[in-house]
């Protein structure tokens, strides 16, 4: 134990400066131009990858949540539809479904609430 304590004792009279080793990974580089992936900068690669991902992916991560949020505005406007337990217990808010309910009500008032328009409206909003 004494040997370990002696290692950690700091010498007050020592004038040795501590030098840190240079990191060899390009991820720690301060020069942004050197951060490249497949020949282009990481920022440009990330933006292009995200745009391609948005365009090409045709699936939904949580489709159940998506359709549940559309069922409530339908129920608010047309007075029928399924209401899940989250809405009955009051743990969900009405701000997002209210956008759809306003559009549904507008189509209902002008008597143009076809299935096609209701589905297309969901894609727009």
N, C-alpha and C. Protein backbone atom coordinates (compact mmCIF):
# COMPACT_ATOMS: atom_id res chain seq x y z
N UNK A 1 0.82 -1.18 0.00
CA UNK A 1 0.00 0.00 0.00
C UNK A 1 0.87 1.25 0.00
N UNK A 2 1.99 1.20 0.69
CA UNK A 2 2.89 2.35 0.73
C UNK A 2 3.47 2.66 -0.63
N UNK A 3 3.75 1.62 -1.42
CA UNK A 3 4.29 1.85 -2.76
C UNK A 3 3.28 2.57 -3.64
N UNK A 4 2.02 2.23 -3.47
CA UNK A 4 0.98 2.88 -4.27
C UNK A 4 0.86 4.34 -3.86
N UNK A 5 0.90 4.62 -2.58
CA UNK A 5 0.81 6.00 -2.10
C UNK A 5 1.97 6.83 -2.61
N UNK A 6 3.16 6.23 -2.66
CA UNK A 6 4.33 6.96 -3.13
C UNK A 6 4.19 7.33 -4.60
N UNK A 7 3.52 6.49 -5.38
CA UNK A 7 3.32 6.79 -6.80
C UNK A 7 2.44 8.01 -7.01
N UNK A 8 1.46 8.17 -6.15
CA UNK A 8 0.50 9.24 -6.33
C UNK A 8 0.90 10.53 -5.62
N UNK A 9 1.96 10.54 -4.87
CA UNK A 9 2.41 11.77 -4.24
C UNK A 9 2.96 12.69 -5.31
N UNK A 10 2.54 13.93 -5.27
CA UNK A 10 3.01 14.90 -6.25
C UNK A 10 4.25 15.59 -5.71
N UNK A 11 5.22 15.72 -6.57
CA UNK A 11 6.43 16.41 -6.18
C UNK A 11 6.24 17.89 -6.42
N UNK A 12 6.40 18.69 -5.38
CA UNK A 12 6.19 20.12 -5.48
C UNK A 12 7.35 20.79 -6.21
N UNK A 13 8.52 20.23 -6.13
CA UNK A 13 9.68 20.87 -6.74
C UNK A 13 9.90 20.44 -8.19
N UNK A 14 9.06 19.55 -8.68
CA UNK A 14 9.23 19.05 -10.04
C UNK A 14 8.81 20.10 -11.05
N UNK A 15 9.63 20.32 -12.02
CA UNK A 15 9.31 21.28 -13.08
C UNK A 15 9.01 20.56 -14.38
N UNK A 16 8.73 19.28 -14.30
CA UNK A 16 8.41 18.51 -15.50
C UNK A 16 7.03 18.92 -16.01
N UNK A 17 6.94 19.16 -17.30
CA UNK A 17 5.65 19.48 -17.89
C UNK A 17 5.04 18.19 -18.43
N UNK A 18 3.78 18.15 -18.35
CA UNK A 18 3.07 16.98 -18.82
C UNK A 18 2.73 17.18 -20.29
N UNK A 19 3.08 16.21 -21.09
CA UNK A 19 2.74 16.29 -22.50
C UNK A 19 1.73 15.19 -22.83
N UNK A 20 0.72 15.57 -23.55
CA UNK A 20 -0.31 14.62 -23.92
C UNK A 20 -0.02 14.10 -25.32
N UNK A 21 -0.37 12.87 -25.53
CA UNK A 21 -0.13 12.29 -26.84
C UNK A 21 -1.16 12.83 -27.82
N UNK A 22 -0.79 12.89 -29.07
CA UNK A 22 -1.70 13.36 -30.10
C UNK A 22 -2.61 12.21 -30.49
N UNK A 23 -3.89 12.49 -30.57
CA UNK A 23 -4.84 11.46 -30.95
C UNK A 23 -4.73 11.20 -32.44
N UNK A 24 -4.75 9.93 -32.78
CA UNK A 24 -4.55 9.57 -34.18
C UNK A 24 -5.85 9.44 -34.96
N UNK A 25 -6.99 9.40 -34.28
CA UNK A 25 -8.26 9.22 -34.96
C UNK A 25 -8.68 10.52 -35.66
N UNK A 26 -9.23 10.41 -36.87
CA UNK A 26 -9.67 11.60 -37.59
C UNK A 26 -10.94 12.19 -36.96
N UNK A 27 -11.63 11.44 -36.10
CA UNK A 27 -12.83 11.95 -35.46
C UNK A 27 -12.52 13.06 -34.46
N UNK A 28 -11.30 13.10 -33.95
CA UNK A 28 -10.89 14.12 -32.99
C UNK A 28 -10.25 15.31 -33.67
N UNK A 29 -10.24 15.33 -34.97
CA UNK A 29 -9.58 16.39 -35.70
C UNK A 29 -10.35 17.69 -35.56
N UNK A 30 -9.63 18.79 -35.46
CA UNK A 30 -10.27 20.10 -35.40
C UNK A 30 -10.44 20.69 -36.78
N UNK A 31 -9.81 20.11 -37.76
CA UNK A 31 -9.94 20.56 -39.13
C UNK A 31 -11.15 19.86 -39.76
N UNK A 32 -12.21 20.61 -40.01
CA UNK A 32 -13.44 20.02 -40.50
C UNK A 32 -13.25 19.44 -41.90
N UNK A 33 -12.33 20.00 -42.67
CA UNK A 33 -12.13 19.51 -44.02
C UNK A 33 -11.60 18.08 -44.04
N UNK A 34 -10.98 17.63 -42.96
CA UNK A 34 -10.44 16.27 -42.94
C UNK A 34 -11.48 15.23 -42.58
N UNK A 35 -12.62 15.66 -42.04
CA UNK A 35 -13.67 14.71 -41.67
C UNK A 35 -14.42 14.29 -42.93
N UNK A 36 -14.02 13.17 -43.50
CA UNK A 36 -14.58 12.71 -44.77
C UNK A 36 -15.08 11.27 -44.61
N UNK A 37 -16.14 10.99 -45.33
CA UNK A 37 -16.69 9.65 -45.39
C UNK A 37 -17.12 9.42 -46.83
N UNK A 38 -16.57 8.41 -47.45
CA UNK A 38 -16.79 8.12 -48.87
C UNK A 38 -16.41 9.31 -49.75
N UNK A 39 -15.42 10.05 -49.35
CA UNK A 39 -14.92 11.15 -50.17
C UNK A 39 -15.64 12.47 -49.99
N UNK A 40 -16.70 12.53 -49.18
CA UNK A 40 -17.39 13.80 -48.94
C UNK A 40 -17.44 14.05 -47.44
N UNK A 41 -17.71 15.30 -47.07
CA UNK A 41 -17.72 15.62 -45.65
C UNK A 41 -18.85 14.89 -44.94
N UNK A 42 -18.67 14.67 -43.66
CA UNK A 42 -19.66 13.93 -42.88
C UNK A 42 -20.98 14.69 -42.80
N UNK A 43 -20.93 16.01 -42.76
CA UNK A 43 -22.15 16.80 -42.70
C UNK A 43 -22.96 16.63 -43.98
N UNK A 44 -22.31 16.76 -45.12
CA UNK A 44 -23.00 16.59 -46.39
C UNK A 44 -23.52 15.16 -46.53
N UNK A 45 -22.71 14.19 -46.15
CA UNK A 45 -23.14 12.80 -46.21
C UNK A 45 -24.38 12.57 -45.35
N UNK A 46 -24.41 13.15 -44.14
CA UNK A 46 -25.54 12.95 -43.23
C UNK A 46 -26.82 13.56 -43.80
N UNK A 47 -26.71 14.76 -44.38
CA UNK A 47 -27.89 15.41 -44.94
C UNK A 47 -28.42 14.64 -46.15
N UNK A 48 -27.52 14.22 -47.05
CA UNK A 48 -27.93 13.46 -48.23
C UNK A 48 -28.53 12.12 -47.82
N UNK A 49 -27.91 11.45 -46.85
CA UNK A 49 -28.43 10.16 -46.39
C UNK A 49 -29.82 10.32 -45.79
N UNK A 50 -30.02 11.38 -45.00
CA UNK A 50 -31.33 11.60 -44.37
C UNK A 50 -32.40 11.91 -45.42
N UNK A 51 -32.06 12.71 -46.43
CA UNK A 51 -33.01 13.02 -47.49
C UNK A 51 -33.39 11.77 -48.27
N UNK A 52 -32.39 10.96 -48.62
CA UNK A 52 -32.69 9.70 -49.32
C UNK A 52 -33.53 8.77 -48.45
N UNK A 53 -33.24 8.75 -47.17
CA UNK A 53 -33.99 7.92 -46.24
C UNK A 53 -35.46 8.35 -46.20
N UNK A 54 -35.71 9.65 -46.16
CA UNK A 54 -37.08 10.16 -46.13
C UNK A 54 -37.83 9.84 -47.41
N UNK A 55 -37.14 9.90 -48.54
CA UNK A 55 -37.80 9.68 -49.82
C UNK A 55 -38.06 8.20 -50.08
N UNK A 56 -37.09 7.35 -49.75
CA UNK A 56 -37.17 5.95 -50.14
C UNK A 56 -37.93 5.05 -49.17
N UNK A 57 -37.90 5.36 -47.88
CA UNK A 57 -38.55 4.50 -46.89
C UNK A 57 -40.05 4.73 -46.94
N UNK A 58 -40.80 3.67 -47.14
CA UNK A 58 -42.25 3.77 -47.28
C UNK A 58 -42.99 3.14 -46.11
N UNK A 59 -42.33 2.90 -45.01
CA UNK A 59 -42.97 2.28 -43.86
C UNK A 59 -43.11 3.29 -42.75
N UNK A 60 -43.84 2.93 -41.73
CA UNK A 60 -44.05 3.80 -40.59
C UNK A 60 -43.54 3.10 -39.34
N UNK A 61 -42.95 3.86 -38.45
CA UNK A 61 -42.36 3.27 -37.25
C UNK A 61 -43.43 2.84 -36.26
N UNK A 62 -44.42 3.69 -36.04
CA UNK A 62 -45.51 3.37 -35.11
C UNK A 62 -46.86 3.62 -35.80
N UNK A 63 -47.26 2.76 -36.71
CA UNK A 63 -48.51 3.01 -37.43
C UNK A 63 -49.73 2.98 -36.52
N UNK A 64 -49.69 2.22 -35.44
CA UNK A 64 -50.83 2.16 -34.54
C UNK A 64 -51.09 3.52 -33.92
N UNK A 65 -50.04 4.20 -33.50
CA UNK A 65 -50.18 5.54 -32.93
C UNK A 65 -50.73 6.51 -33.98
N UNK A 66 -50.30 6.35 -35.20
CA UNK A 66 -50.76 7.23 -36.28
C UNK A 66 -52.26 7.09 -36.50
N UNK A 67 -52.74 5.88 -36.61
CA UNK A 67 -54.16 5.68 -36.88
C UNK A 67 -55.01 5.98 -35.66
N UNK A 68 -54.48 5.78 -34.47
CA UNK A 68 -55.25 6.14 -33.28
C UNK A 68 -55.48 7.64 -33.22
N UNK A 69 -54.49 8.40 -33.67
CA UNK A 69 -54.66 9.86 -33.63
C UNK A 69 -55.64 10.35 -34.69
N UNK A 70 -55.91 9.56 -35.72
CA UNK A 70 -56.90 9.94 -36.74
C UNK A 70 -58.30 9.47 -36.38
N UNK A 71 -58.39 8.47 -35.55
CA UNK A 71 -59.70 7.93 -35.17
C UNK A 71 -60.46 8.92 -34.27
N UNK A 72 -59.75 9.64 -33.45
CA UNK A 72 -60.38 10.59 -32.53
C UNK A 72 -61.02 11.77 -33.26
N UNK A 73 -60.32 12.41 -34.22
CA UNK A 73 -61.00 13.50 -34.94
C UNK A 73 -62.21 13.00 -35.74
N UNK A 74 -62.11 11.79 -36.26
CA UNK A 74 -63.26 11.22 -36.97
C UNK A 74 -64.43 11.06 -36.02
N UNK A 75 -64.15 10.63 -34.82
CA UNK A 75 -65.21 10.48 -33.81
C UNK A 75 -65.77 11.84 -33.40
N UNK A 76 -64.90 12.85 -33.30
CA UNK A 76 -65.35 14.18 -32.90
C UNK A 76 -66.30 14.78 -33.95
N UNK A 77 -66.02 14.56 -35.23
CA UNK A 77 -66.80 15.18 -36.29
C UNK A 77 -68.01 14.34 -36.68
N UNK A 78 -67.83 13.05 -36.86
CA UNK A 78 -68.89 12.19 -37.38
C UNK A 78 -69.62 11.40 -36.31
N UNK A 79 -69.23 11.53 -35.07
CA UNK A 79 -69.89 10.92 -33.90
C UNK A 79 -69.86 9.40 -33.90
N UNK A 80 -68.91 8.80 -34.57
CA UNK A 80 -68.71 7.35 -34.45
C UNK A 80 -67.24 7.06 -34.75
N UNK A 81 -66.76 5.94 -34.23
CA UNK A 81 -65.38 5.53 -34.40
C UNK A 81 -64.87 4.96 -33.08
N UNK A 82 -63.76 4.29 -33.15
CA UNK A 82 -63.22 3.62 -31.97
C UNK A 82 -62.38 4.58 -31.15
N UNK A 83 -62.59 4.56 -29.86
CA UNK A 83 -61.82 5.38 -28.93
C UNK A 83 -61.01 4.45 -28.03
N UNK A 84 -59.69 4.53 -28.10
CA UNK A 84 -58.83 3.64 -27.32
C UNK A 84 -58.80 4.09 -25.86
N UNK A 85 -58.23 3.23 -25.04
CA UNK A 85 -58.22 3.49 -23.60
C UNK A 85 -57.40 4.72 -23.24
N UNK A 86 -56.37 5.06 -24.06
CA UNK A 86 -55.56 6.24 -23.75
C UNK A 86 -56.39 7.51 -23.78
N UNK A 87 -57.35 7.56 -24.71
CA UNK A 87 -58.20 8.73 -24.82
C UNK A 87 -59.26 8.73 -23.72
N UNK A 88 -59.76 7.56 -23.37
CA UNK A 88 -60.76 7.47 -22.31
C UNK A 88 -60.18 7.87 -20.96
N UNK A 89 -58.93 7.51 -20.73
CA UNK A 89 -58.27 7.84 -19.46
C UNK A 89 -57.74 9.27 -19.44
N UNK A 90 -57.67 9.89 -20.59
CA UNK A 90 -57.23 11.28 -20.65
C UNK A 90 -55.72 11.47 -20.61
N UNK A 91 -54.97 10.47 -21.04
CA UNK A 91 -53.51 10.62 -21.00
C UNK A 91 -52.95 11.15 -22.32
N UNK A 92 -53.80 11.38 -23.29
CA UNK A 92 -53.36 11.97 -24.56
C UNK A 92 -54.00 13.33 -24.73
N UNK A 93 -53.28 14.18 -25.44
CA UNK A 93 -53.78 15.53 -25.69
C UNK A 93 -54.52 15.63 -27.01
N UNK A 94 -55.32 16.66 -27.15
CA UNK A 94 -56.15 16.84 -28.32
C UNK A 94 -55.59 17.86 -29.31
N UNK A 95 -54.40 18.38 -29.10
CA UNK A 95 -53.89 19.43 -29.99
C UNK A 95 -53.60 18.90 -31.39
N UNK A 96 -52.97 17.76 -31.54
CA UNK A 96 -52.68 17.20 -32.86
C UNK A 96 -53.94 16.70 -33.56
N UNK A 97 -54.81 15.92 -32.90
CA UNK A 97 -56.04 15.49 -33.57
C UNK A 97 -56.98 16.64 -33.92
N UNK A 98 -56.86 17.76 -33.23
CA UNK A 98 -57.73 18.90 -33.51
C UNK A 98 -57.47 19.47 -34.91
N UNK A 99 -56.24 19.37 -35.40
CA UNK A 99 -55.94 19.81 -36.77
C UNK A 99 -56.75 19.02 -37.78
N UNK A 100 -56.81 17.72 -37.59
CA UNK A 100 -57.59 16.87 -38.49
C UNK A 100 -59.09 17.11 -38.31
N UNK A 101 -59.51 17.31 -37.08
CA UNK A 101 -60.93 17.52 -36.82
C UNK A 101 -61.43 18.79 -37.50
N UNK A 102 -60.62 19.83 -37.52
CA UNK A 102 -61.02 21.06 -38.20
C UNK A 102 -61.20 20.84 -39.70
N UNK A 103 -60.27 20.12 -40.29
CA UNK A 103 -60.37 19.83 -41.72
C UNK A 103 -61.54 18.89 -42.02
N UNK A 104 -61.73 17.89 -41.18
CA UNK A 104 -62.87 16.98 -41.36
C UNK A 104 -64.19 17.75 -41.26
N UNK A 105 -64.28 18.65 -40.30
CA UNK A 105 -65.51 19.42 -40.09
C UNK A 105 -65.76 20.35 -41.27
N UNK A 106 -64.69 20.95 -41.80
CA UNK A 106 -64.84 21.82 -42.96
C UNK A 106 -65.37 21.04 -44.15
N UNK A 107 -64.82 19.87 -44.41
CA UNK A 107 -65.31 19.03 -45.50
C UNK A 107 -66.74 18.55 -45.25
N UNK A 108 -67.06 18.30 -43.99
CA UNK A 108 -68.41 17.85 -43.63
C UNK A 108 -69.43 18.98 -43.85
N UNK A 109 -69.05 20.21 -43.51
CA UNK A 109 -69.97 21.34 -43.66
C UNK A 109 -70.26 21.67 -45.13
N UNK A 110 -69.27 21.51 -45.98
CA UNK A 110 -69.51 21.78 -47.40
C UNK A 110 -70.02 20.53 -48.13
N UNK A 111 -70.30 19.49 -47.35
CA UNK A 111 -70.86 18.24 -47.86
C UNK A 111 -69.98 17.61 -48.93
N UNK A 112 -68.68 17.61 -48.67
CA UNK A 112 -67.72 17.05 -49.61
C UNK A 112 -66.76 16.12 -48.88
N UNK A 113 -67.28 15.39 -47.91
CA UNK A 113 -66.46 14.52 -47.07
C UNK A 113 -66.41 13.10 -47.64
N UNK A 114 -65.80 12.99 -48.80
CA UNK A 114 -65.64 11.67 -49.42
C UNK A 114 -64.46 10.95 -48.78
N UNK A 115 -64.45 9.65 -48.91
CA UNK A 115 -63.37 8.85 -48.35
C UNK A 115 -62.04 9.25 -48.98
N UNK A 116 -62.05 9.48 -50.29
CA UNK A 116 -60.82 9.86 -50.99
C UNK A 116 -60.22 11.15 -50.42
N UNK A 117 -61.05 12.16 -50.23
CA UNK A 117 -60.55 13.43 -49.71
C UNK A 117 -60.08 13.30 -48.26
N UNK A 118 -60.78 12.53 -47.46
CA UNK A 118 -60.36 12.35 -46.07
C UNK A 118 -58.99 11.66 -45.99
N UNK A 119 -58.77 10.68 -46.85
CA UNK A 119 -57.48 9.99 -46.86
C UNK A 119 -56.38 10.90 -47.39
N UNK A 120 -56.66 11.65 -48.46
CA UNK A 120 -55.66 12.57 -49.02
C UNK A 120 -55.33 13.69 -48.04
N UNK A 121 -56.30 14.12 -47.29
CA UNK A 121 -56.09 15.17 -46.31
C UNK A 121 -55.11 14.72 -45.24
N UNK A 122 -55.16 13.46 -44.86
CA UNK A 122 -54.23 12.93 -43.86
C UNK A 122 -52.81 12.98 -44.37
N UNK A 123 -52.59 12.77 -45.64
CA UNK A 123 -51.25 12.81 -46.22
C UNK A 123 -50.71 14.23 -46.27
N UNK A 124 -51.58 15.20 -46.46
CA UNK A 124 -51.13 16.59 -46.56
C UNK A 124 -50.71 17.12 -45.21
N UNK A 125 -51.51 16.86 -44.20
CA UNK A 125 -51.19 17.39 -42.87
C UNK A 125 -50.19 16.50 -42.25
